[in-house]
PDB file of N, CA and C in Angstrom:
ATOM      1  N   MET A   1     206.914  29.229  22.039  1.00  0.00           N
ATOM      2  CA  MET A   1     205.880  29.040  21.092  1.00  0.00           C
ATOM      3  C   MET A   1     204.703  30.028  21.620  1.00  0.00           C
ATOM      4  N   LYS A   2     204.221  30.979  20.489  1.00  0.00           N
ATOM      5  CA  LYS A   2     203.316  32.007  21.050  1.00  0.00           C
ATOM      6  C   LYS A   2     201.903  31.224  21.123  1.00  0.00           C
ATOM      7  N   MET A   3     201.023  31.465  22.437  1.00  0.00           N
ATOM      8  CA  MET A   3     200.211  30.868  22.312  1.00  0.00           C
ATOM      9  C   MET A   3     198.866  31.657  21.663  1.00  0.00           C
ATOM     10  N   ILE A   4     197.674  31.111  21.096  1.00  0.00           N
ATOM     11  CA  ILE A   4     196.554  31.990  20.654  1.00  0.00           C
ATOM     12  C   ILE A   4     195.249  31.504  21.419  1.00  0.00           C
ATOM     13  N   THR A   5     194.411  32.280  21.146  1.00  0.00           N
ATOM     14  CA  THR A   5     193.089  31.915  21.933  1.00  0.00           C
ATOM     15  C   THR A   5     192.323  30.950  20.845  1.00  0.00           C
ATOM     16  N   TYR A   6     191.290  30.652  21.615  1.00  0.00           N
ATOM     17  CA  TYR A   6     190.241  29.500  20.591  1.00  0.00           C
ATOM     18  C   TYR A   6     189.594  30.331  19.640  1.00  0.00           C
ATOM     19  N   ASP A   7     189.423  31.685  20.070  1.00  0.00           N
ATOM     20  CA  ASP A   7     188.691  32.437  18.799  1.00  0.00           C
ATOM     21  C   ASP A   7     189.715  32.825  17.839  1.00  0.00           C
ATOM     22  N   ASP A   8     191.081  32.965  17.998  1.00  0.00           N
ATOM     23  CA  ASP A   8     191.852  33.003  17.246  1.00  0.00           C
ATOM     24  C   ASP A   8     191.760  31.975  16.197  1.00  0.00           C
ATOM     25  N   PHE A   9     191.889  30.582  16.631  1.00  0.00           N
ATOM     26  CA  PHE A   9     192.012  29.704  15.846  1.00  0.00           C
ATOM     27  C   PHE A   9     190.820  29.438  15.181  1.00  0.00           C
ATOM     28  N   GLU A  10     189.795  29.676  15.844  1.00  0.00           N
ATOM     29  CA  GLU A  10     188.426  29.683  14.869  1.00  0.00           C
ATOM     30  C   GLU A  10     188.426  30.358  13.500  1.00  0.00           C
ATOM     31  N   GLN A  11     189.234  31.540  13.390  1.00  0.00           N
ATOM     32  CA  GLN A  11     189.164  32.478  12.348  1.00  0.00           C
ATOM     33  C   GLN A  11     190.241  31.766  11.310  1.00  0.00           C
ATOM     34  N   VAL A  12     190.684  30.656  11.372  1.00  0.00           N
ATOM     35  CA  VAL A  12     191.735  29.767  10.446  1.00  0.00           C
ATOM     36  C   VAL A  12     190.436  28.994   9.613  1.00  0.00           C
ATOM     37  N   GLU A  13     190.558  29.003   8.532  1.00  0.00           N
ATOM     38  CA  GLU A  13     189.922  28.164   7.472  1.00  0.00           C
ATOM     39  C   GLU A  13     190.430  27.017   7.102  1.00  0.00           C
ATOM     40  N   LEU A  14     190.736  26.026   7.753  1.00  0.00           N
ATOM     41  CA  LEU A  14     191.341  24.782   7.078  1.00  0.00           C
ATOM     42  C   LEU A  14     190.231  23.871   6.548  1.00  0.00           C
ATOM     43  N   ARG A  15     190.146  23.903   5.353  1.00  0.00           N
ATOM     44  CA  ARG A  15     189.159  22.992   4.619  1.00  0.00           C
ATOM     45  C   ARG A  15     189.573  21.938   3.740  1.00  0.00           C
ATOM     46  N   SER A  16     189.069  20.772   3.932  1.00  0.00           N
ATOM     47  CA  SER A  16     189.300  19.541   2.857  1.00  0.00           C
ATOM     48  C   SER A  16     188.963  20.042   1.248  1.00  0.00           C
ATOM     49  N   GLY A  17     189.985  19.517   0.434  1.00  0.00           N
ATOM     50  CA  GLY A  17     189.574  19.581  -0.952  1.00  0.00           C
ATOM     51  C   GLY A  17     190.205  18.555  -1.633  1.00  0.00           C
ATOM     52  N   THR A  18     189.702  18.339  -3.037  1.00  0.00           N
ATOM     53  CA  THR A  18     190.189  17.258  -3.682  1.00  0.00           C
ATOM     54  C   THR A  18     191.004  17.922  -4.713  1.00  0.00           C
ATOM     55  N   VAL A  19     192.218  17.383  -5.101  1.00  0.00           N
ATOM     56  CA  VAL A  19     193.091  18.193  -6.282  1.00  0.00           C
ATOM     57  C   VAL A  19     192.605  17.663  -7.463  1.00  0.00           C
ATOM     58  N   VAL A  20     191.999  18.656  -8.350  1.00  0.00           N
ATOM     59  CA  VAL A  20     191.360  18.333  -9.519  1.00  0.00           C
ATOM     60  C   VAL A  20     192.639  18.663 -10.882  1.00  0.00           C
ATOM     61  N   ARG A  21     193.569  19.179 -10.481  1.00  0.00           N
ATOM     62  CA  ARG A  21     194.484  19.623 -11.612  1.00  0.00           C
ATOM     63  C   ARG A  21     195.857  19.815 -11.098  1.00  0.00           C
ATOM     64  N   ALA A  22     196.963  19.542 -11.945  1.00  0.00           N
ATOM     65  CA  ALA A  22     198.260  19.890 -11.150  1.00  0.00           C
ATOM     66  C   ALA A  22     198.993  20.104 -12.782  1.00  0.00           C
ATOM     67  N   LYS A  23     200.005  20.959 -12.432  1.00  0.00           N
ATOM     68  CA  LYS A  23     200.726  21.054 -13.774  1.00  0.00           C
ATOM     69  C   LYS A  23     202.269  21.552 -12.991  1.00  0.00           C
ATOM     70  N   THR A  24     203.259  21.190 -14.018  1.00  0.00           N
ATOM     71  CA  THR A  24     204.633  21.558 -13.347  1.00  0.00           C
ATOM     72  C   THR A  24     204.681  23.168 -13.581  1.00  0.00           C
ATOM     73  N   PHE A  25     205.479  23.912 -12.544  1.00  0.00           N
ATOM     74  CA  PHE A  25     205.551  25.237 -12.432  1.00  0.00           C
ATOM     75  C   PHE A  25     206.911  25.751 -12.743  1.00  0.00           C
ATOM     76  N   ASP A  26     207.062  25.882 -14.194  1.00  0.00           N
ATOM     77  CA  ASP A  26     208.393  26.236 -14.730  1.00  0.00           C
ATOM     78  C   ASP A  26     208.943  27.237 -14.080  1.00  0.00           C
ATOM     79  N   LYS A  27     208.342  28.545 -13.847  1.00  0.00           N
ATOM     80  CA  LYS A  27     209.023  29.783 -13.368  1.00  0.00           C
ATOM     81  C   LYS A  27     209.345  29.743 -11.856  1.00  0.00           C
ATOM     82  N   ALA A  28     208.909  28.819 -11.089  1.00  0.00           N
ATOM     83  CA  ALA A  28     209.322  28.913  -9.499  1.00  0.00           C
ATOM     84  C   ALA A  28     210.974  28.712  -9.583  1.00  0.00           C
ATOM     85  N   ARG A  29     211.466  29.210  -8.684  1.00  0.00           N
ATOM     86  CA  ARG A  29     212.646  29.008  -8.297  1.00  0.00           C
ATOM     87  C   ARG A  29     213.188  27.588  -7.977  1.00  0.00           C
ATOM     88  N   LYS A  30     212.198  26.717  -7.223  1.00  0.00           N
ATOM     89  CA  LYS A  30     212.602  25.562  -6.759  1.00  0.00           C
ATOM     90  C   LYS A  30     211.371  24.677  -7.296  1.00  0.00           C
ATOM     91  N   PRO A  31     211.704  23.326  -7.751  1.00  0.00           N
ATOM     92  CA  PRO A  31     210.807  22.534  -8.180  1.00  0.00           C
ATOM     93  C   PRO A  31     209.362  22.612  -7.612  1.00  0.00           C
ATOM     94  N   SER A  32     208.364  22.879  -8.382  1.00  0.00           N
ATOM     95  CA  SER A  32     207.061  23.116  -7.572  1.00  0.00           C
ATOM     96  C   SER A  32     205.821  22.653  -8.735  1.00  0.00           C
ATOM     97  N   TYR A  33     204.784  22.303  -8.237  1.00  0.00           N
ATOM     98  CA  TYR A  33     203.578  22.350  -8.991  1.00  0.00           C
ATOM     99  C   TYR A  33     202.612  23.644  -8.925  1.00  0.00           C
ATOM    100  N   LYS A  34     201.901  23.916  -9.902  1.00  0.00           N
ATOM    101  CA  LYS A  34     200.735  24.666  -9.795  1.00  0.00           C
ATOM    102  C   LYS A  34     199.524  23.644  -9.466  1.00  0.00           C
ATOM    103  N   ILE A  35     198.833  23.828  -8.451  1.00  0.00           N
ATOM    104  CA  ILE A  35     197.729  22.903  -8.131  1.00  0.00           C
ATOM    105  C   ILE A  35     196.508  23.638  -7.919  1.00  0.00           C
ATOM    106  N   TRP A  36     195.449  22.830  -8.383  1.00  0.00           N
ATOM    107  CA  TRP A  36     194.213  23.408  -8.293  1.00  0.00           C
ATOM    108  C   TRP A  36     193.200  22.560  -7.479  1.00  0.00           C
ATOM    109  N   VAL A  37     192.521  22.757  -6.393  1.00  0.00           N
ATOM    110  CA  VAL A  37     191.955  22.129  -5.387  1.00  0.00           C
ATOM    111  C   VAL A  37     190.417  22.425  -5.284  1.00  0.00           C
ATOM    112  N   ASP A  38     189.438  21.569  -5.482  1.00  0.00           N
ATOM    113  CA  ASP A  38     188.251  21.733  -5.553  1.00  0.00           C
ATOM    114  C   ASP A  38     187.461  21.793  -4.042  1.00  0.00           C
ATOM    115  N   PHE A  39     187.351  22.848  -3.419  1.00  0.00           N
ATOM    116  CA  PHE A  39     186.882  22.757  -2.100  1.00  0.00           C
ATOM    117  C   PHE A  39     185.498  22.937  -1.899  1.00  0.00           C
ATOM    118  N   GLY A  40     184.483  22.486  -2.903  1.00  0.00           N
ATOM    119  CA  GLY A  40     183.249  22.307  -2.608  1.00  0.00           C
ATOM    120  C   GLY A  40     182.404  23.443  -3.179  1.00  0.00           C
ATOM    121  N   SER A  41     181.032  23.394  -3.033  1.00  0.00           N
ATOM    122  CA  SER A  41     180.302  24.348  -3.791  1.00  0.00           C
ATOM    123  C   SER A  41     180.477  25.643  -3.161  1.00  0.00           C
ATOM    124  N   LYS A  42     180.309  25.814  -1.830  1.00  0.00           N
ATOM    125  CA  LYS A  42     180.486  27.179  -1.234  1.00  0.00           C
ATOM    126  C   LYS A  42     181.879  28.003  -1.278  1.00  0.00           C
ATOM    127  N   ILE A  43     182.887  27.106  -1.521  1.00  0.00           N
ATOM    128  CA  ILE A  43     184.245  27.892  -1.773  1.00  0.00           C
ATOM    129  C   ILE A  43     184.525  27.727  -3.225  1.00  0.00           C
ATOM    130  N   GLY A  44     184.414  26.594  -3.895  1.00  0.00           N
ATOM    131  CA  GLY A  44     184.910  26.657  -5.331  1.00  0.00           C
ATOM    132  C   GLY A  44     186.412  25.897  -5.672  1.00  0.00           C
ATOM    133  N   VAL A  45     186.755  26.055  -6.619  1.00  0.00           N
ATOM    134  CA  VAL A  45     188.138  25.650  -7.049  1.00  0.00           C
ATOM    135  C   VAL A  45     188.806  26.901  -6.880  1.00  0.00           C
ATOM    136  N   LYS A  46     190.355  26.506  -6.114  1.00  0.00           N
ATOM    137  CA  LYS A  46     191.151  27.618  -5.848  1.00  0.00           C
ATOM    138  C   LYS A  46     192.436  26.909  -6.183  1.00  0.00           C
ATOM    139  N   GLN A  47     193.366  27.906  -6.642  1.00  0.00           N
ATOM    140  CA  GLN A  47     194.907  27.507  -7.060  1.00  0.00           C
ATOM    141  C   GLN A  47     195.770  28.020  -6.206  1.00  0.00           C
ATOM    142  N   THR A  48     197.008  27.056  -6.237  1.00  0.00           N
ATOM    143  CA  THR A  48     198.134  27.524  -5.348  1.00  0.00           C
ATOM    144  C   THR A  48     199.410  26.858  -5.997  1.00  0.00           C
ATOM    145  N   ALA A  49     200.535  27.389  -5.508  1.00  0.00           N
ATOM    146  CA  ALA A  49     201.708  26.770  -5.914  1.00  0.00           C
ATOM    147  C   ALA A  49     202.515  26.128  -4.686  1.00  0.00           C
ATOM    148  N   ALA A  50     203.025  24.840  -4.910  1.00  0.00           N
ATOM    149  CA  ALA A  50     203.495  24.133  -3.980  1.00  0.00           C
ATOM    150  C   ALA A  50     204.924  23.450  -4.382  1.00  0.00           C
ATOM    151  N   GLN A  51     205.604  23.345  -3.378  1.00  0.00           N
ATOM    152  CA  GLN A  51     207.023  22.407  -3.402  1.00  0.00           C
ATOM    153  C   GLN A  51     206.722  21.088  -3.019  1.00  0.00           C
ATOM    154  N   VAL A  52     206.159  20.305  -3.750  1.00  0.00           N
ATOM    155  CA  VAL A  52     205.723  18.968  -3.469  1.00  0.00           C
ATOM    156  C   VAL A  52     206.163  17.932  -4.409  1.00  0.00           C
ATOM    157  N   THR A  53     207.268  18.363  -5.113  1.00  0.00           N
ATOM    158  CA  THR A  53     207.620  17.187  -6.039  1.00  0.00           C
ATOM    159  C   THR A  53     208.416  16.133  -5.653  1.00  0.00           C
ATOM    160  N   ASN A  54     208.933  16.004  -4.452  1.00  0.00           N
ATOM    161  CA  ASN A  54     209.780  15.033  -4.101  1.00  0.00           C
ATOM    162  C   ASN A  54     208.945  13.822  -3.673  1.00  0.00           C
ATOM    163  N   HIS A  55     207.725  13.994  -2.995  1.00  0.00           N
ATOM    164  CA  HIS A  55     206.825  13.044  -2.669  1.00  0.00           C
ATOM    165  C   HIS A  55     205.731  12.739  -3.545  1.00  0.00           C
ATOM    166  N   TYR A  56     205.391  13.479  -4.804  1.00  0.00           N
ATOM    167  CA  TYR A  56     204.142  13.422  -5.309  1.00  0.00           C
ATOM    168  C   TYR A  56     204.648  13.579  -6.813  1.00  0.00           C
ATOM    169  N   THR A  57     203.896  12.994  -7.659  1.00  0.00           N
ATOM    170  CA  THR A  57     204.036  13.230  -9.256  1.00  0.00           C
ATOM    171  C   THR A  57     202.682  13.860  -9.432  1.00  0.00           C
ATOM    172  N   LEU A  58     202.763  14.190 -10.546  1.00  0.00           N
ATOM    173  CA  LEU A  58     201.557  14.979 -11.276  1.00  0.00           C
ATOM    174  C   LEU A  58     200.410  14.033 -11.099  1.00  0.00           C
ATOM    175  N   GLU A  59     200.608  12.913 -11.605  1.00  0.00           N
ATOM    176  CA  GLU A  59     199.764  11.497 -11.624  1.00  0.00           C
ATOM    177  C   GLU A  59     199.191  11.296 -10.430  1.00  0.00           C
ATOM    178  N   THR A  60     200.005  11.458  -9.222  1.00  0.00           N
ATOM    179  CA  THR A  60     199.685  10.825  -7.797  1.00  0.00           C
ATOM    180  C   THR A  60     199.043  11.905  -7.168  1.00  0.00           C
ATOM    181  N   ILE A  61     199.126  13.084  -7.457  1.00  0.00           N
ATOM    182  CA  ILE A  61     198.399  14.046  -6.440  1.00  0.00           C
ATOM    183  C   ILE A  61     197.225  14.469  -7.012  1.00  0.00           C
ATOM    184  N   VAL A  62     196.946  14.473  -8.159  1.00  0.00           N
ATOM    185  CA  VAL A  62     195.561  14.489  -8.648  1.00  0.00           C
ATOM    186  C   VAL A  62     194.642  13.424  -8.181  1.00  0.00           C
ATOM    187  N   GLY A  63     193.480  13.884  -7.627  1.00  0.00           N
ATOM    188  CA  GLY A  63     192.578  12.953  -7.130  1.00  0.00           C
ATOM    189  C   GLY A  63     192.595  12.936  -5.767  1.00  0.00           C
ATOM    190  N   ARG A  64     194.047  13.205  -5.031  1.00  0.00           N
ATOM    191  CA  ARG A  64     194.101  13.226  -3.565  1.00  0.00           C
ATOM    192  C   ARG A  64     193.256  14.224  -2.813  1.00  0.00           C
ATOM    193  N   GLN A  65     192.822  13.773  -1.705  1.00  0.00           N
ATOM    194  CA  GLN A  65     192.208  14.788  -0.964  1.00  0.00           C
ATOM    195  C   GLN A  65     193.106  15.476   0.073  1.00  0.00           C
ATOM    196  N   VAL A  66     193.320  16.792   0.042  1.00  0.00           N
ATOM    197  CA  VAL A  66     194.136  17.512   0.986  1.00  0.00           C
ATOM    198  C   VAL A  66     193.566  18.510   1.952  1.00  0.00           C
ATOM    199  N   VAL A  67     194.418  19.174   2.525  1.00  0.00           N
ATOM    200  CA  VAL A  67     193.983  20.153   3.468  1.00  0.00           C
ATOM    201  C   VAL A  67     194.607  21.550   3.003  1.00  0.00           C
ATOM    202  N   GLY A  68     193.880  22.693   3.182  1.00  0.00           N
ATOM    203  CA  GLY A  68     194.177  23.828   2.321  1.00  0.00           C
ATOM    204  C   GLY A  68     193.837  25.131   3.586  1.00  0.00           C
ATOM    205  N   CYS A  69     194.334  25.849   3.966  1.00  0.00           N
ATOM    206  CA  CYS A  69     193.873  27.337   4.421  1.00  0.00           C
ATOM    207  C   CYS A  69     193.559  28.075   3.343  1.00  0.00           C
ATOM    208  N   VAL A  70     192.242  28.215   3.428  1.00  0.00           N
ATOM    209  CA  VAL A  70     191.722  29.020   2.308  1.00  0.00           C
ATOM    210  C   VAL A  70     191.370  30.518   2.769  1.00  0.00           C
ATOM    211  N   ASN A  71     191.686  30.963   3.758  1.00  0.00           N
ATOM    212  CA  ASN A  71     191.255  32.466   3.982  1.00  0.00           C
ATOM    213  C   ASN A  71     192.427  33.391   4.281  1.00  0.00           C
ATOM    214  N   LEU A  72     193.544  32.963   3.634  1.00  0.00           N
ATOM    215  CA  LEU A  72     194.863  33.748   3.551  1.00  0.00           C
ATOM    216  C   LEU A  72     194.623  34.622   2.452  1.00  0.00           C
ATOM    217  N   ALA A  73     195.170  35.929   2.550  1.00  0.00           N
ATOM    218  CA  ALA A  73     195.247  36.808   1.101  1.00  0.00           C
ATOM    219  C   ALA A  73     195.890  35.925   0.130  1.00  0.00           C
ATOM    220  N   VAL A  74     195.693  36.665  -1.058  1.00  0.00           N
ATOM    221  CA  VAL A  74     196.303  35.982  -2.225  1.00  0.00           C
ATOM    222  C   VAL A  74     197.644  36.442  -2.246  1.00  0.00           C
ATOM    223  N   ARG A  75     198.724  35.377  -2.859  1.00  0.00           N
ATOM    224  CA  ARG A  75     200.161  35.766  -2.477  1.00  0.00           C
ATOM    225  C   ARG A  75     200.697  35.549  -4.062  1.00  0.00           C
ATOM    226  N   LYS A  76     201.475  36.270  -4.595  1.00  0.00           N
ATOM    227  CA  LYS A  76     201.923  35.877  -6.020  1.00  0.00           C
ATOM    228  C   LYS A  76     203.290  35.106  -5.679  1.00  0.00           C
ATOM    229  N   VAL A  77     203.282  34.122  -6.698  1.00  0.00           N
ATOM    230  CA  VAL A  77     204.667  33.341  -6.516  1.00  0.00           C
ATOM    231  C   VAL A  77     204.915  33.203  -8.141  1.00  0.00           C
ATOM    232  N   ALA A  78     206.181  34.077  -8.291  1.00  0.00           N
ATOM    233  CA  ALA A  78     206.647  33.949  -9.706  1.00  0.00           C
ATOM    234  C   ALA A  78     205.426  34.356 -10.656  1.00  0.00           C
ATOM    235  N   GLY A  79     204.675  35.409 -10.321  1.00  0.00           N
ATOM    236  CA  GLY A  79     203.868  35.807 -11.263  1.00  0.00           C
ATOM    237  C   GLY A  79     202.505  35.110 -11.278  1.00  0.00           C
ATOM    238  N   PHE A  80     202.539  33.859 -10.628  1.00  0.00           N
ATOM    239  CA  PHE A  80     201.057  33.173 -10.303  1.00  0.00           C
ATOM    240  C   PHE A  80     200.509  33.500  -8.963  1.00  0.00           C
ATOM    241  N   GLU A  81     199.220  33.578  -9.078  1.00  0.00           N
ATOM    242  CA  GLU A  81     198.419  33.959  -7.964  1.00  0.00           C
ATOM    243  C   GLU A  81     197.973  32.773  -6.929  1.00  0.00           C
ATOM    244  N   SER A  82     198.628  32.599  -5.866  1.00  0.00           N
ATOM    245  CA  SER A  82     198.217  31.429  -4.840  1.00  0.00           C
ATOM    246  C   SER A  82     197.234  31.872  -4.093  1.00  0.00           C
ATOM    247  N   GLU A  83     196.081  31.396  -4.235  1.00  0.00           N
ATOM    248  CA  GLU A  83     194.719  31.584  -3.332  1.00  0.00           C
ATOM    249  C   GLU A  83     194.651  30.832  -2.124  1.00  0.00           C
ATOM    250  N   PHE A  84     195.518  29.816  -1.841  1.00  0.00           N
ATOM    251  CA  PHE A  84     195.459  29.226  -0.538  1.00  0.00           C
ATOM    252  C   PHE A  84     196.632  28.408  -0.167  1.00  0.00           C
ATOM    253  N   LEU A  85     196.884  28.074   0.902  1.00  0.00           N
ATOM    254  CA  LEU A  85     197.926  27.604   1.293  1.00  0.00           C
ATOM    255  C   LEU A  85     197.985  25.958   1.565  1.00  0.00           C
ATOM    256  N   LEU A  86     198.385  25.134   0.762  1.00  0.00           N
ATOM    257  CA  LEU A  86     198.233  23.705   1.183  1.00  0.00           C
ATOM    258  C   LEU A  86     199.252  23.366   2.135  1.00  0.00           C
ATOM    259  N   VAL A  87     198.558  22.709   3.087  1.00  0.00           N
ATOM    260  CA  VAL A  87     199.285  22.354   4.437  1.00  0.00           C
ATOM    261  C   VAL A  87     199.962  21.118   4.548  1.00  0.00           C
ATOM    262  N   GLY A  88     201.084  21.094   5.308  1.00  0.00           N
ATOM    263  CA  GLY A  88     201.895  19.722   5.179  1.00  0.00           C
ATOM    264  C   GLY A  88     202.889  19.717   6.289  1.00  0.00           C
ATOM    265  N   PHE A  89     203.741  18.651   6.347  1.00  0.00           N
ATOM    266  CA  PHE A  89     204.664  18.588   7.402  1.00  0.00           C
ATOM    267  C   PHE A  89     206.153  18.388   6.769  1.00  0.00           C
ATOM    268  N   SER A  90     207.278  18.858   7.275  1.00  0.00           N
ATOM    269  CA  SER A  90     208.479  18.532   6.640  1.00  0.00           C
ATOM    270  C   SER A  90     209.118  16.885   7.139  1.00  0.00           C
ATOM    271  N   ASP A  91     209.570  16.463   6.219  1.00  0.00           N
ATOM    272  CA  ASP A  91     209.979  15.081   6.506  1.00  0.00           C
ATOM    273  C   ASP A  91     211.539  15.211   7.127  1.00  0.00           C
ATOM    274  N   LYS A  92     212.372  14.163   7.201  1.00  0.00           N
ATOM    275  CA  LYS A  92     213.653  14.447   7.888  1.00  0.00           C
ATOM    276  C   LYS A  92     214.631  15.053   6.839  1.00  0.00           C
ATOM    277  N   ASP A  93     214.608  14.911   5.606  1.00  0.00           N
ATOM    278  CA  ASP A  93     215.178  15.745   4.325  1.00  0.00           C
ATOM    279  C   ASP A  93     214.464  17.275   4.066  1.00  0.00           C
ATOM    280  N   ASN A  94     213.703  17.644   4.928  1.00  0.00           N
ATOM    281  CA  ASN A  94     212.836  18.948   4.338  1.00  0.00           C
ATOM    282  C   ASN A  94     211.984  18.983   2.941  1.00  0.00           C
ATOM    283  N   ASN A  95     211.691  18.042   2.860  1.00  0.00           N
ATOM    284  CA  ASN A  95     210.604  17.691   1.672  1.00  0.00           C
ATOM    285  C   ASN A  95     209.141  17.799   2.380  1.00  0.00           C
ATOM    286  N   VAL A  96     207.921  18.215   1.868  1.00  0.00           N
ATOM    287  CA  VAL A  96     206.855  18.367   2.031  1.00  0.00           C
ATOM    288  C   VAL A  96     206.004  17.244   2.241  1.00  0.00           C
ATOM    289  N   CYS A  97     205.650  16.798   3.129  1.00  0.00           N
ATOM    290  CA  CYS A  97     204.404  15.711   3.229  1.00  0.00           C
ATOM    291  C   CYS A  97     202.980  16.260   3.460  1.00  0.00           C
ATOM    292  N   LEU A  98     202.088  16.238   2.315  1.00  0.00           N
ATOM    293  CA  LEU A  98     200.892  16.784   2.610  1.00  0.00           C
ATOM    294  C   LEU A  98     200.068  16.241   3.637  1.00  0.00           C
ATOM    295  N   VAL A  99     199.258  17.034   4.474  1.00  0.00           N
ATOM    296  CA  VAL A  99     198.221  16.450   5.245  1.00  0.00           C
ATOM    297  C   VAL A  99     197.210  15.959   4.352  1.00  0.00           C
ATOM    298  N   THR A 100     196.832  14.838   4.602  1.00  0.00           N
ATOM    299  CA  THR A 100     195.590  14.423   4.024  1.00  0.00           C
ATOM    300  C   THR A 100     194.269  13.764   4.677  1.00  0.00           C
ATOM    301  N   VAL A 101     192.984  13.459   4.115  1.00  0.00           N
ATOM    302  CA  VAL A 101     192.084  13.252   5.080  1.00  0.00           C
ATOM    303  C   VAL A 101     191.665  11.643   4.970  1.00  0.00           C
ATOM    304  N   ASP A 102     191.662  10.750   6.135  1.00  0.00           N
ATOM    305  CA  ASP A 102     191.373   9.399   5.655  1.00  0.00           C
ATOM    306  C   ASP A 102     190.233   8.850   7.012  1.00  0.00           C
ATOM    307  N   PRO A 103     189.153   8.683   6.839  1.00  0.00           N
ATOM    308  CA  PRO A 103     188.651   8.417   5.256  1.00  0.00           C
ATOM    309  C   PRO A 103     188.470   9.864   4.431  1.00  0.00           C
ATOM    310  N   VAL A 104     187.883   9.541   3.450  1.00  0.00           N
ATOM    311  CA  VAL A 104     187.566  10.857   2.616  1.00  0.00           C
ATOM    312  C   VAL A 104     186.308  11.444   3.309  1.00  0.00           C
ATOM    313  N   VAL A 105     186.083  12.596   3.290  1.00  0.00           N
ATOM    314  CA  VAL A 105     185.470  13.422   3.724  1.00  0.00           C
ATOM    315  C   VAL A 105     184.806  14.436   2.586  1.00  0.00           C
ATOM    316  N   GLN A 106     183.482  15.170   2.957  1.00  0.00           N
ATOM    317  CA  GLN A 106     182.969  16.080   1.867  1.00  0.00           C
ATOM    318  C   GLN A 106     184.076  17.137   1.740  1.00  0.00           C
ATOM    319  N   ASP A 107     184.359  17.606   0.387  1.00  0.00           N
ATOM    320  CA  ASP A 107     185.270  18.751   0.013  1.00  0.00           C
ATOM    321  C   ASP A 107     184.444  19.835   0.575  1.00  0.00           C
ATOM    322  N   GLY A 108     185.616  20.940   1.317  1.00  0.00           N
ATOM    323  CA  GLY A 108     184.790  22.043   1.986  1.00  0.00           C
ATOM    324  C   GLY A 108     184.766  21.706   3.355  1.00  0.00           C
ATOM    325  N   ALA A 109     184.778  20.644   4.029  1.00  0.00           N
ATOM    326  CA  ALA A 109     184.752  20.318   5.461  1.00  0.00           C
ATOM    327  C   ALA A 109     185.847  21.131   6.121  1.00  0.00           C
ATOM    328  N   LYS A 110     185.211  21.753   7.185  1.00  0.00           N
ATOM    329  CA  LYS A 110     186.353  22.480   7.975  1.00  0.00           C
ATOM    330  C   LYS A 110     187.002  21.749   9.322  1.00  0.00           C
ATOM    331  N   LEU A 111     188.463  21.836   9.410  1.00  0.00           N
ATOM    332  CA  LEU A 111     189.052  21.361  10.293  1.00  0.00           C
ATOM    333  C   LEU A 111     188.575  22.020  11.721  1.00  0.00           C
ATOM    334  N   PHE A 112     188.607  21.278  12.970  1.00  0.00           N
ATOM    335  CA  PHE A 112     188.218  21.799  14.108  1.00  0.00           C
ATOM    336  C   PHE A 112     188.788  20.880  15.192  1.00  0.00           C
TER     337      PHE A 112
END
């Protein structure tokens, strides 16, 4: 494992946000959703593509508070601009389990 400094970690913008919209991403190679998350008034709504279909339906993901890395460069995924990285862990079957916030905090709050 490569060690980083505290200053390095401070540069990573992991923020809380609420999923406001999601739809099936038909052009993706693997089952995925296009997801829009509101990160509060300073950051706004950002979009991403995520392979989270095993544990979450379109209905259960909307309204969920999640954590995203919001200061990564934009990445194109099957022609769709992914503006942040939705973070999670792999379960025993390599399916994504999203990092969530409990209890709910203000959208845009920074993880420290």
